[in-house]
Amino acid sequence: MKRVGAVLFVLFSFGYSFAVPKFMDPEYAKEFCDLWNKTPTLTDGLSKWSKKAGKKGYRIIRFYRQDCGGDEKAVEVHIAPKDGKAVCIYGGKATDQNPDFLMFATDKNWKSLAKGEFGFLGMGIMSKMTFEGSKWEAMNNMGPFKAFLLNLNKVPHSMECP
């Protein structure tokens, strides 16, 4: 009986490990998008920011892991204004070469940021990642920006490279 239990444990363990997305792969970005829509700090807190969507009708946040290839492995989320909220309408492989925000960091720094290790008043965020885009907009939305980073760790994932 113990042997059957051990075999089942191993099978379920391996089956589960294959079921979770890799950190910052397209499936992870899709699940991150779903989580965005369940996070009022993002949907409500970025409602005004999302209205500056321009002709596309949405804003783009692109991110990737430096330790896993770089921009060619980037994922992104598209955020659109809808019913007074900032709603994620796409999460997946990067498709647009002109994101509003581009963020990348080492795995060590992504892990630190996702744990909430931001430093004094969140000022350490920009020292742990490379950030391209309007720093003014990011600083004016620091609460939601922190929620974005904390959500990175809330999507179950493995640390294998995508």
C-alpha atoms as a PDB file:
ATOM      1  CA  MET A   1       0.000   0.000   0.000  1.00  0.00           C
ATOM      2  CA  LYS A   2       2.836   2.388   0.842  1.00  0.00           C
ATOM      3  CA  ARG A   3       4.391   1.717  -2.578  1.00  0.00           C
ATOM      4  CA  VAL A   4       1.138   2.643  -4.381  1.00  0.00           C
ATOM      5  CA  GLY A   5       0.876   5.826  -2.340  1.00  0.00           C
ATOM      6  CA  ALA A   6       4.474   6.741  -3.148  1.00  0.00           C
ATOM      7  CA  VAL A   7       3.930   6.119  -6.875  1.00  0.00           C
ATOM      8  CA  LEU A   8       0.749   8.231  -6.875  1.00  0.00           C
ATOM      9  CA  PHE A   9       2.548  11.008  -5.001  1.00  0.00           C
ATOM     10  CA  VAL A  10       5.363  11.040  -7.587  1.00  0.00           C
ATOM     11  CA  LEU A  11       2.921  10.985 -10.519  1.00  0.00           C
ATOM     12  CA  PHE A  12       0.811  13.825  -9.129  1.00  0.00           C
ATOM     13  CA  SER A  13       3.908  15.819  -8.211  1.00  0.00           C
ATOM     14  CA  PHE A  14       5.315  15.557 -11.715  1.00  0.00           C
ATOM     15  CA  GLY A  15       1.915  16.192 -13.285  1.00  0.00           C
ATOM     16  CA  TYR A  16       1.474  19.337 -11.237  1.00  0.00           C
ATOM     17  CA  SER A  17       4.950  20.668 -11.977  1.00  0.00           C
ATOM     18  CA  PHE A  18       4.195  20.489 -15.693  1.00  0.00           C
ATOM     19  CA  ALA A  19       0.863  22.241 -15.215  1.00  0.00           C
ATOM     20  CA  VAL A  20       2.210  25.520 -13.849  1.00  0.00           C
ATOM     21  CA  PRO A  21       3.508  28.090 -16.305  1.00  0.00           C
ATOM     22  CA  LYS A  22       7.110  29.224 -16.360  1.00  0.00           C
ATOM     23  CA  PHE A  23       7.720  32.615 -14.799  1.00  0.00           C
ATOM     24  CA  MET A  24       6.959  35.214 -17.493  1.00  0.00           C
ATOM     25  CA  ASP A  25       6.019  32.842 -20.301  1.00  0.00           C
ATOM     26  CA  PRO A  26       2.868  33.560 -22.374  1.00  0.00           C
ATOM     27  CA  GLU A  27       0.638  31.331 -20.224  1.00  0.00           C
ATOM     28  CA  TYR A  28       1.945  33.043 -17.084  1.00  0.00           C
ATOM     29  CA  ALA A  29       1.120  36.442 -18.669  1.00  0.00           C
ATOM     30  CA  LYS A  30      -2.420  35.241 -19.440  1.00  0.00           C
ATOM     31  CA  GLU A  31      -2.936  34.190 -15.817  1.00  0.00           C
ATOM     32  CA  PHE A  32      -1.329  37.437 -14.640  1.00  0.00           C
ATOM     33  CA  CYS A  33      -3.868  39.331 -16.791  1.00  0.00           C
ATOM     34  CA  ASP A  34      -6.716  37.421 -15.110  1.00  0.00           C
ATOM     35  CA  LEU A  35      -5.266  38.279 -11.691  1.00  0.00           C
ATOM     36  CA  TRP A  36      -4.973  41.953 -12.700  1.00  0.00           C
ATOM     37  CA  ASN A  37      -8.739  42.053 -13.244  1.00  0.00           C
ATOM     38  CA  LYS A  38      -9.296  40.714  -9.718  1.00  0.00           C
ATOM     39  CA  THR A  39      -7.022  43.335  -8.114  1.00  0.00           C
ATOM     40  CA  PRO A  40      -8.912  46.571  -7.279  1.00  0.00           C
ATOM     41  CA  THR A  41      -5.650  48.441  -6.633  1.00  0.00           C
ATOM     42  CA  LEU A  42      -4.915  47.953 -10.339  1.00  0.00           C
ATOM     43  CA  THR A  43      -8.371  48.137 -11.902  1.00  0.00           C
ATOM     44  CA  ASP A  44      -9.482  51.158  -9.875  1.00  0.00           C
ATOM     45  CA  GLY A  45      -6.096  52.727  -9.176  1.00  0.00           C
ATOM     46  CA  LEU A  46      -5.058  52.858 -12.830  1.00  0.00           C
ATOM     47  CA  SER A  47      -8.420  53.832 -14.320  1.00  0.00           C
ATOM     48  CA  LYS A  48      -7.270  57.384 -15.094  1.00  0.00           C
ATOM     49  CA  TRP A  49      -3.902  56.128 -16.453  1.00  0.00           C
ATOM     50  CA  SER A  50      -5.641  53.635 -18.761  1.00  0.00           C
ATOM     51  CA  LYS A  51      -7.691  56.409 -20.400  1.00  0.00           C
ATOM     52  CA  LYS A  52      -4.526  57.741 -22.056  1.00  0.00           C
ATOM     53  CA  ALA A  53      -4.675  54.778 -24.424  1.00  0.00           C
ATOM     54  CA  GLY A  54      -4.400  56.687 -27.693  1.00  0.00           C
ATOM     55  CA  LYS A  55      -5.449  55.232 -31.039  1.00  0.00           C
ATOM     56  CA  LYS A  56      -4.800  51.625 -30.013  1.00  0.00           C
ATOM     57  CA  GLY A  57      -7.426  51.823 -27.293  1.00  0.00           C
ATOM     58  CA  TYR A  58      -5.175  50.206 -24.692  1.00  0.00           C
ATOM     59  CA  ARG A  59      -1.844  50.659 -22.921  1.00  0.00           C
ATOM     60  CA  ILE A  60       0.967  48.117 -22.972  1.00  0.00           C
ATOM     61  CA  ILE A  61       3.203  46.960 -20.145  1.00  0.00           C
ATOM     62  CA  ARG A  62       5.966  44.654 -21.385  1.00  0.00           C
ATOM     63  CA  PHE A  63       8.307  42.741 -19.103  1.00  0.00           C
ATOM     64  CA  TYR A  64      10.935  40.019 -19.271  1.00  0.00           C
ATOM     65  CA  ARG A  65      13.655  38.180 -17.412  1.00  0.00           C
ATOM     66  CA  GLN A  66      17.244  39.111 -18.242  1.00  0.00           C
ATOM     67  CA  ASP A  67      18.405  35.663 -17.160  1.00  0.00           C
ATOM     68  CA  CYS A  68      16.239  33.961 -19.783  1.00  0.00           C
ATOM     69  CA  GLY A  69      17.076  35.423 -23.148  1.00  0.00           C
ATOM     70  CA  GLY A  70      15.927  39.005 -23.153  1.00  0.00           C
ATOM     71  CA  ASP A  71      13.398  40.983 -25.163  1.00  0.00           C
ATOM     72  CA  GLU A  72      12.728  38.163 -27.645  1.00  0.00           C
ATOM     73  CA  LYS A  73      11.151  36.295 -24.697  1.00  0.00           C
ATOM     74  CA  ALA A  74       9.135  39.286 -23.472  1.00  0.00           C
ATOM     75  CA  VAL A  75       5.494  39.087 -22.475  1.00  0.00           C
ATOM     76  CA  GLU A  76       3.031  41.917 -22.154  1.00  0.00           C
ATOM     77  CA  VAL A  77      -0.344  42.905 -20.843  1.00  0.00           C
ATOM     78  CA  HIS A  78      -2.739  45.253 -22.622  1.00  0.00           C
ATOM     79  CA  ILE A  79      -4.745  47.504 -20.328  1.00  0.00           C
ATOM     80  CA  ALA A  80      -7.896  49.209 -21.625  1.00  0.00           C
ATOM     81  CA  PRO A  81     -10.354  51.626 -20.018  1.00  0.00           C
ATOM     82  CA  LYS A  82     -13.686  49.893 -19.537  1.00  0.00           C
ATOM     83  CA  ASP A  83     -16.606  50.908 -17.329  1.00  0.00           C
ATOM     84  CA  GLY A  84     -14.397  53.298 -15.351  1.00  0.00           C
ATOM     85  CA  LYS A  85     -11.730  50.681 -14.674  1.00  0.00           C
ATOM     86  CA  ALA A  86      -8.327  49.686 -16.054  1.00  0.00           C
ATOM     87  CA  VAL A  87      -9.053  46.211 -17.434  1.00  0.00           C
ATOM     88  CA  CYS A  88      -6.506  43.730 -18.722  1.00  0.00           C
ATOM     89  CA  ILE A  89      -7.699  42.573 -22.132  1.00  0.00           C
ATOM     90  CA  TYR A  90      -4.614  40.587 -23.191  1.00  0.00           C
ATOM     91  CA  GLY A  91      -1.773  38.806 -21.503  1.00  0.00           C
ATOM     92  CA  GLY A  92       0.714  36.830 -23.556  1.00  0.00           C
ATOM     93  CA  LYS A  93       3.646  36.988 -25.909  1.00  0.00           C
ATOM     94  CA  ALA A  94       4.860  40.492 -26.702  1.00  0.00           C
ATOM     95  CA  THR A  95       3.247  41.659 -29.946  1.00  0.00           C
ATOM     96  CA  ASP A  96       3.749  45.430 -30.101  1.00  0.00           C
ATOM     97  CA  GLN A  97       7.130  47.077 -30.495  1.00  0.00           C
ATOM     98  CA  ASN A  98       5.972  50.288 -28.796  1.00  0.00           C
ATOM     99  CA  PRO A  99       4.988  49.472 -25.216  1.00  0.00           C
ATOM    100  CA  ASP A 100       4.102  52.249 -22.793  1.00  0.00           C
ATOM    101  CA  PHE A 101       6.304  50.626 -20.174  1.00  0.00           C
ATOM    102  CA  LEU A 102       9.149  48.138 -20.561  1.00  0.00           C
ATOM    103  CA  MET A 103      10.601  46.492 -17.475  1.00  0.00           C
ATOM    104  CA  PHE A 104      13.312  43.905 -17.153  1.00  0.00           C
ATOM    105  CA  ALA A 105      15.473  42.586 -14.373  1.00  0.00           C
ATOM    106  CA  THR A 106      17.471  39.609 -13.218  1.00  0.00           C
ATOM    107  CA  ASP A 107      15.595  36.728 -11.633  1.00  0.00           C
ATOM    108  CA  LYS A 108      17.098  37.667  -8.272  1.00  0.00           C
ATOM    109  CA  ASN A 109      15.698  41.203  -8.528  1.00  0.00           C
ATOM    110  CA  TRP A 110      12.290  40.077  -9.865  1.00  0.00           C
ATOM    111  CA  LYS A 111      11.980  37.744  -6.862  1.00  0.00           C
ATOM    112  CA  SER A 112      12.931  40.557  -4.496  1.00  0.00           C
ATOM    113  CA  LEU A 113      10.419  42.975  -6.035  1.00  0.00           C
ATOM    114  CA  ALA A 114       7.652  40.349  -6.070  1.00  0.00           C
ATOM    115  CA  LYS A 115       8.224  39.826  -2.327  1.00  0.00           C
ATOM    116  CA  GLY A 116       7.700  43.542  -1.696  1.00  0.00           C
ATOM    117  CA  GLU A 117      11.334  44.399  -1.017  1.00  0.00           C
ATOM    118  CA  PHE A 118      11.011  47.900  -2.458  1.00  0.00           C
ATOM    119  CA  GLY A 119      13.226  49.932  -0.156  1.00  0.00           C
ATOM    120  CA  PHE A 120      12.471  53.325   1.357  1.00  0.00           C
ATOM    121  CA  LEU A 121       9.129  54.646   0.009  1.00  0.00           C
ATOM    122  CA  GLY A 122       9.493  52.296  -2.955  1.00  0.00           C
ATOM    123  CA  MET A 123      12.490  54.179  -4.311  1.00  0.00           C
ATOM    124  CA  GLY A 124      14.490  50.944  -4.589  1.00  0.00           C
ATOM    125  CA  ILE A 125      12.179  49.677  -7.311  1.00  0.00           C
ATOM    126  CA  MET A 126      13.961  51.551 -10.083  1.00  0.00           C
ATOM    127  CA  SER A 127      17.374  50.410  -8.854  1.00  0.00           C
ATOM    128  CA  LYS A 128      16.355  46.739  -9.066  1.00  0.00           C
ATOM    129  CA  MET A 129      15.012  46.847 -12.610  1.00  0.00           C
ATOM    130  CA  THR A 130      15.527  48.607 -15.881  1.00  0.00           C
ATOM    131  CA  PHE A 131      12.462  50.671 -16.589  1.00  0.00           C
ATOM    132  CA  GLU A 132      11.673  52.401 -19.874  1.00  0.00           C
ATOM    133  CA  GLY A 133       8.671  54.669 -20.179  1.00  0.00           C
ATOM    134  CA  SER A 134       7.381  57.667 -18.303  1.00  0.00           C
ATOM    135  CA  LYS A 135       8.950  57.581 -14.857  1.00  0.00           C
ATOM    136  CA  TRP A 136       6.625  60.463 -13.966  1.00  0.00           C
ATOM    137  CA  GLU A 137       3.566  58.293 -14.695  1.00  0.00           C
ATOM    138  CA  ALA A 138       5.077  55.397 -12.754  1.00  0.00           C
ATOM    139  CA  MET A 139       5.847  57.571  -9.727  1.00  0.00           C
ATOM    140  CA  ASN A 140       2.360  59.108  -9.807  1.00  0.00           C
ATOM    141  CA  ASN A 141       0.931  55.583  -9.714  1.00  0.00           C
ATOM    142  CA  MET A 142       3.288  54.056  -7.152  1.00  0.00           C
ATOM    143  CA  GLY A 143       0.540  52.236  -5.199  1.00  0.00           C
ATOM    144  CA  PRO A 144      -0.768  50.371  -8.251  1.00  0.00           C
ATOM    145  CA  PHE A 145       2.798  49.871  -9.519  1.00  0.00           C
ATOM    146  CA  LYS A 146       3.674  48.117  -6.251  1.00  0.00           C
ATOM    147  CA  ALA A 147       0.513  45.984  -6.540  1.00  0.00           C
ATOM    148  CA  PHE A 148       1.610  45.025 -10.071  1.00  0.00           C
ATOM    149  CA  LEU A 149       4.958  43.839  -8.704  1.00  0.00           C
ATOM    150  CA  LEU A 150       3.409  41.963  -5.779  1.00  0.00           C
ATOM    151  CA  ASN A 151       1.055  40.168  -8.191  1.00  0.00           C
ATOM    152  CA  LEU A 152       4.079  38.724  -9.998  1.00  0.00           C
ATOM    153  CA  ASN A 153       4.496  36.223  -7.178  1.00  0.00           C
ATOM    154  CA  LYS A 154       0.780  35.418  -6.863  1.00  0.00           C
ATOM    155  CA  VAL A 155       0.532  33.505 -10.139  1.00  0.00           C
ATOM    156  CA  PRO A 156       1.772  29.944  -9.519  1.00  0.00           C
ATOM    157  CA  HIS A 157       4.856  29.343 -11.652  1.00  0.00           C
ATOM    158  CA  SER A 158       8.140  27.533 -12.012  1.00  0.00           C
ATOM    159  CA  MET A 159      11.454  29.340 -12.380  1.00  0.00           C
ATOM    160  CA  GLU A 160      12.476  27.475 -15.536  1.00  0.00           C
ATOM    161  CA  CYS A 161      13.264  29.751 -18.448  1.00  0.00           C
ATOM    162  CA  PRO A 162      10.462  30.068 -20.996  1.00  0.00           C
END
